[in-house]
Structures are given as structure tokens and as C-alpha cells.
Amino acid sequence: MAGGRSCSSVDYDSAMAKKLVIKVTAGADAPERCSQAFTVAAVAVASGVDVSLWLTGESAWFALPGRAAEFELPHAAPLPDLLDSLLAGGRVTLCTQCAARRDITEKDVIEGVRIAGAQVFVQEALGEDTQALVY
């Protein structure tokens, strides 16, 4: 390969993004997509990656106490456990507009969840050594 690197010469540890921004747009309306986003985020946190999970659309409801416990998906890790690991080792942000559309305020959300808008999302997503995923 002229000028390229073969797979055997790639240092995957240094090639891996050091930060991961995940935007989850699905909630109970698309449970598999929702669960995948939370699972990937929690696994990344457990792997030592700096993770920022954004709750948008129907996933906004999971910023409220007790709502994650209402989520069910067979053969999936319990959403409250995944959310707890994200709150302990990463960042969880609720979209400003999504919160406003659902009449959710800062006093309503789980401790550790922040409310922020698109400008902050773009700033995080475009950060150095950052990979962004949208579910």
C-alpha cells in the first residue's frame, strides 16, 4: 500500500478515539436502538474512555428519576444499571430543547444530569481525539 498502513501495522490503542460522544435519540419507542446506545456508552466507560452521553428525543425521559427502571428489553442489561455507570464514570446531558418540549427542568432531573444545547454538543463532538455516534 503506497503511503498507507496495513492492518498489521496499526497501533489500535493509539488509533482509538480517547473520547466518545454518543447521542441517543430513541427511547421506549425503539428499545433496541436505545439499549445499544446505553450499552456501548457503558462499555466504553468501563474501558476507560471519556464518554459523554446525550439524551435527545424520546430518550430525554430517562433523565427523570425512576424512568429508566420502566424500560424493558429482553436479553439486555438493565437500563438503570447502565445509566448509573454512566453517571459515575462519564457525563450525561439532556438536550435543552428536548427538555423544554417535555416540560423537564434542572430541578426534575437525576443528580448528575446536566441540561445543555446544540452548541455544547457540537463543541464536544468536534473535540480532538473524539468519535461521535448517533443512535
C-alpha atoms as a PDB file:
ATOM      1  CA  MET A   1       0.000   0.000   0.000  1.00  0.00           C
ATOM      2  CA  ALA A   2       1.642   3.197  -1.127  1.00  0.00           C
ATOM      3  CA  GLY A   3       1.553   5.726   1.695  1.00  0.00           C
ATOM      4  CA  GLY A   4      -0.936   3.660   3.691  1.00  0.00           C
ATOM      5  CA  ARG A   5      -0.644   1.353   6.655  1.00  0.00           C
ATOM      6  CA  SER A   6      -1.525  -2.288   6.584  1.00  0.00           C
ATOM      7  CA  CYS A   7      -3.799  -3.695   9.265  1.00  0.00           C
ATOM      8  CA  SER A   8      -0.861  -5.467  10.878  1.00  0.00           C
ATOM      9  CA  SER A   9       0.987  -2.182  11.413  1.00  0.00           C
ATOM     10  CA  VAL A  10      -1.883  -0.264  13.032  1.00  0.00           C
ATOM     11  CA  ASP A  11      -1.454   0.506  16.723  1.00  0.00           C
ATOM     12  CA  TYR A  12      -5.094   0.136  17.751  1.00  0.00           C
ATOM     13  CA  ASP A  13      -4.532   1.602  21.225  1.00  0.00           C
ATOM     14  CA  SER A  14      -3.241   4.876  19.803  1.00  0.00           C
ATOM     15  CA  ALA A  15      -5.683   4.827  16.868  1.00  0.00           C
ATOM     16  CA  MET A  16      -8.722   4.524  19.151  1.00  0.00           C
ATOM     17  CA  ALA A  17     -10.618   7.703  19.994  1.00  0.00           C
ATOM     18  CA  LYS A  18      -9.895   8.833  23.529  1.00  0.00           C
ATOM     19  CA  LYS A  19     -13.323  10.454  23.841  1.00  0.00           C
ATOM     20  CA  LEU A  20     -16.702   9.171  22.761  1.00  0.00           C
ATOM     21  CA  VAL A  21     -19.800  11.332  22.332  1.00  0.00           C
ATOM     22  CA  ILE A  22     -22.991   9.320  21.943  1.00  0.00           C
ATOM     23  CA  LYS A  23     -26.327  10.879  21.054  1.00  0.00           C
ATOM     24  CA  VAL A  24     -29.274   8.603  21.760  1.00  0.00           C
ATOM     25  CA  THR A  25     -32.470   9.694  20.021  1.00  0.00           C
ATOM     26  CA  ALA A  26     -34.572   6.640  20.848  1.00  0.00           C
ATOM     27  CA  GLY A  27     -36.386   5.608  23.990  1.00  0.00           C
ATOM     28  CA  ALA A  28     -39.113   3.065  24.596  1.00  0.00           C
ATOM     29  CA  ASP A  29     -40.291   3.798  21.032  1.00  0.00           C
ATOM     30  CA  ALA A  30     -37.207   1.993  19.622  1.00  0.00           C
ATOM     31  CA  PRO A  31     -35.933  -0.129  22.519  1.00  0.00           C
ATOM     32  CA  GLU A  32     -33.139  -1.983  20.717  1.00  0.00           C
ATOM     33  CA  ARG A  33     -31.556   1.206  19.397  1.00  0.00           C
ATOM     34  CA  CYS A  34     -31.896   2.810  22.819  1.00  0.00           C
ATOM     35  CA  SER A  35     -30.339  -0.148  24.613  1.00  0.00           C
ATOM     36  CA  GLN A  36     -27.467  -0.322  22.126  1.00  0.00           C
ATOM     37  CA  ALA A  37     -26.566   3.312  22.767  1.00  0.00           C
ATOM     38  CA  PHE A  38     -26.548   2.911  26.556  1.00  0.00           C
ATOM     39  CA  THR A  39     -24.671  -0.401  26.326  1.00  0.00           C
ATOM     40  CA  VAL A  40     -21.942   0.963  24.051  1.00  0.00           C
ATOM     41  CA  ALA A  41     -21.582   4.026  26.286  1.00  0.00           C
ATOM     42  CA  ALA A  42     -21.327   1.936  29.469  1.00  0.00           C
ATOM     43  CA  VAL A  43     -18.807  -0.477  27.921  1.00  0.00           C
ATOM     44  CA  ALA A  44     -16.710   2.480  26.778  1.00  0.00           C
ATOM     45  CA  VAL A  45     -16.743   3.959  30.305  1.00  0.00           C
ATOM     46  CA  ALA A  46     -15.697   0.573  31.714  1.00  0.00           C
ATOM     47  CA  SER A  47     -12.863   0.524  29.152  1.00  0.00           C
ATOM     48  CA  GLY A  48     -11.526   3.860  30.381  1.00  0.00           C
ATOM     49  CA  VAL A  49     -12.858   6.007  27.547  1.00  0.00           C
ATOM     50  CA  ASP A  50     -14.082   9.534  28.326  1.00  0.00           C
ATOM     51  CA  VAL A  51     -17.797   9.247  27.470  1.00  0.00           C
ATOM     52  CA  SER A  52     -20.457  11.902  27.017  1.00  0.00           C
ATOM     53  CA  LEU A  53     -23.982  10.531  26.502  1.00  0.00           C
ATOM     54  CA  TRP A  54     -26.624  12.904  25.141  1.00  0.00           C
ATOM     55  CA  LEU A  55     -30.304  12.203  25.791  1.00  0.00           C
ATOM     56  CA  THR A  56     -32.422  13.564  22.946  1.00  0.00           C
ATOM     57  CA  GLY A  57     -35.875  12.843  21.593  1.00  0.00           C
ATOM     58  CA  GLU A  58     -37.705  10.104  23.482  1.00  0.00           C
ATOM     59  CA  SER A  59     -34.603   9.185  25.490  1.00  0.00           C
ATOM     60  CA  ALA A  60     -34.999  12.535  27.273  1.00  0.00           C
ATOM     61  CA  TRP A  61     -37.420  10.849  29.672  1.00  0.00           C
ATOM     62  CA  PHE A  62     -34.560   8.775  31.121  1.00  0.00           C
ATOM     63  CA  ALA A  63     -33.172  11.933  32.737  1.00  0.00           C
ATOM     64  CA  LEU A  64     -36.057  11.724  35.218  1.00  0.00           C
ATOM     65  CA  PRO A  65     -35.826   9.623  38.396  1.00  0.00           C
ATOM     66  CA  GLY A  66     -37.352   6.169  38.004  1.00  0.00           C
ATOM     67  CA  ARG A  67     -37.950   6.337  34.261  1.00  0.00           C
ATOM     68  CA  ALA A  68     -35.026   4.077  33.325  1.00  0.00           C
ATOM     69  CA  ALA A  69     -36.497   1.373  35.592  1.00  0.00           C
ATOM     70  CA  GLU A  70     -39.643   1.349  33.435  1.00  0.00           C
ATOM     71  CA  PHE A  71     -37.622   0.392  30.338  1.00  0.00           C
ATOM     72  CA  GLU A  72     -37.635  -3.296  29.455  1.00  0.00           C
ATOM     73  CA  LEU A  73     -35.879  -5.208  26.702  1.00  0.00           C
ATOM     74  CA  PRO A  74     -35.328  -8.984  26.846  1.00  0.00           C
ATOM     75  CA  HIS A  75     -31.688 -10.115  26.963  1.00  0.00           C
ATOM     76  CA  ALA A  76     -30.440  -6.559  27.571  1.00  0.00           C
ATOM     77  CA  ALA A  77     -28.625  -5.127  30.563  1.00  0.00           C
ATOM     78  CA  PRO A  78     -30.976  -3.219  32.876  1.00  0.00           C
ATOM     79  CA  LEU A  79     -31.084   0.422  31.812  1.00  0.00           C
ATOM     80  CA  PRO A  80     -30.813   1.740  35.413  1.00  0.00           C
ATOM     81  CA  ASP A  81     -27.505  -0.137  35.825  1.00  0.00           C
ATOM     82  CA  LEU A  82     -26.143   1.262  32.568  1.00  0.00           C
ATOM     83  CA  LEU A  83     -27.259   4.779  33.466  1.00  0.00           C
ATOM     84  CA  ASP A  84     -25.691   4.506  36.938  1.00  0.00           C
ATOM     85  CA  SER A  85     -22.345   3.500  35.436  1.00  0.00           C
ATOM     86  CA  LEU A  86     -22.522   6.424  33.011  1.00  0.00           C
ATOM     87  CA  LEU A  87     -23.333   8.887  35.774  1.00  0.00           C
ATOM     88  CA  ALA A  88     -20.465   7.514  37.874  1.00  0.00           C
ATOM     89  CA  GLY A  89     -17.817   7.437  35.151  1.00  0.00           C
ATOM     90  CA  GLY A  90     -18.966   9.653  32.308  1.00  0.00           C
ATOM     91  CA  ARG A  91     -21.201  12.612  31.517  1.00  0.00           C
ATOM     92  CA  VAL A  92     -24.930  12.526  30.836  1.00  0.00           C
ATOM     93  CA  THR A  93     -26.542  15.520  29.162  1.00  0.00           C
ATOM     94  CA  LEU A  94     -30.179  16.216  28.407  1.00  0.00           C
ATOM     95  CA  CYS A  95     -30.846  18.271  25.278  1.00  0.00           C
ATOM     96  CA  THR A  96     -32.180  21.739  26.154  1.00  0.00           C
ATOM     97  CA  GLN A  97     -34.922  21.772  23.516  1.00  0.00           C
ATOM     98  CA  CYS A  98     -35.927  18.175  24.252  1.00  0.00           C
ATOM     99  CA  ALA A  99     -36.257  19.046  27.938  1.00  0.00           C
ATOM    100  CA  ALA A 100     -38.310  22.155  27.174  1.00  0.00           C
ATOM    101  CA  ARG A 101     -40.691  20.238  24.897  1.00  0.00           C
ATOM    102  CA  ARG A 102     -41.336  17.809  27.759  1.00  0.00           C
ATOM    103  CA  ASP A 103     -41.515  20.473  30.493  1.00  0.00           C
ATOM    104  CA  ILE A 104     -38.426  18.992  32.177  1.00  0.00           C
ATOM    105  CA  THR A 105     -36.326  21.412  34.228  1.00  0.00           C
ATOM    106  CA  GLU A 106     -32.999  21.116  36.047  1.00  0.00           C
ATOM    107  CA  LYS A 107     -34.822  20.523  39.328  1.00  0.00           C
ATOM    108  CA  ASP A 108     -36.580  17.483  37.812  1.00  0.00           C
ATOM    109  CA  VAL A 109     -33.582  15.508  36.558  1.00  0.00           C
ATOM    110  CA  ILE A 110     -31.470  12.846  38.231  1.00  0.00           C
ATOM    111  CA  GLU A 111     -28.496  14.227  40.140  1.00  0.00           C
ATOM    112  CA  GLY A 112     -25.520  14.420  37.800  1.00  0.00           C
ATOM    113  CA  VAL A 113     -27.525  15.005  34.608  1.00  0.00           C
ATOM    114  CA  ARG A 114     -26.881  18.392  33.031  1.00  0.00           C
ATOM    115  CA  ILE A 115     -29.048  20.224  30.522  1.00  0.00           C
ATOM    116  CA  ALA A 116     -27.217  21.756  27.555  1.00  0.00           C
ATOM    117  CA  GLY A 117     -27.839  22.657  23.939  1.00  0.00           C
ATOM    118  CA  ALA A 118     -26.548  22.033  20.453  1.00  0.00           C
ATOM    119  CA  GLN A 119     -23.571  24.375  20.810  1.00  0.00           C
ATOM    120  CA  VAL A 120     -22.151  22.219  23.617  1.00  0.00           C
ATOM    121  CA  PHE A 121     -22.870  19.020  21.662  1.00  0.00           C
ATOM    122  CA  VAL A 122     -21.035  20.350  18.599  1.00  0.00           C
ATOM    123  CA  GLN A 123     -18.116  21.508  20.742  1.00  0.00           C
ATOM    124  CA  GLU A 124     -17.815  18.047  22.323  1.00  0.00           C
ATOM    125  CA  ALA A 125     -18.311  16.140  19.062  1.00  0.00           C
ATOM    126  CA  LEU A 126     -15.607  18.134  17.263  1.00  0.00           C
ATOM    127  CA  GLY A 127     -13.068  17.807  20.054  1.00  0.00           C
ATOM    128  CA  GLU A 128      -9.630  16.353  19.397  1.00  0.00           C
ATOM    129  CA  ASP A 129      -9.419  12.532  19.560  1.00  0.00           C
ATOM    130  CA  THR A 130     -13.225  12.332  19.689  1.00  0.00           C
ATOM    131  CA  GLN A 131     -15.561   9.902  17.954  1.00  0.00           C
ATOM    132  CA  ALA A 132     -19.274  10.743  17.787  1.00  0.00           C
ATOM    133  CA  LEU A 133     -22.032   8.150  17.390  1.00  0.00           C
ATOM    134  CA  VAL A 134     -25.757   8.714  16.937  1.00  0.00           C
ATOM    135  CA  TYR A 135     -28.341   6.063  17.773  1.00  0.00           C
END
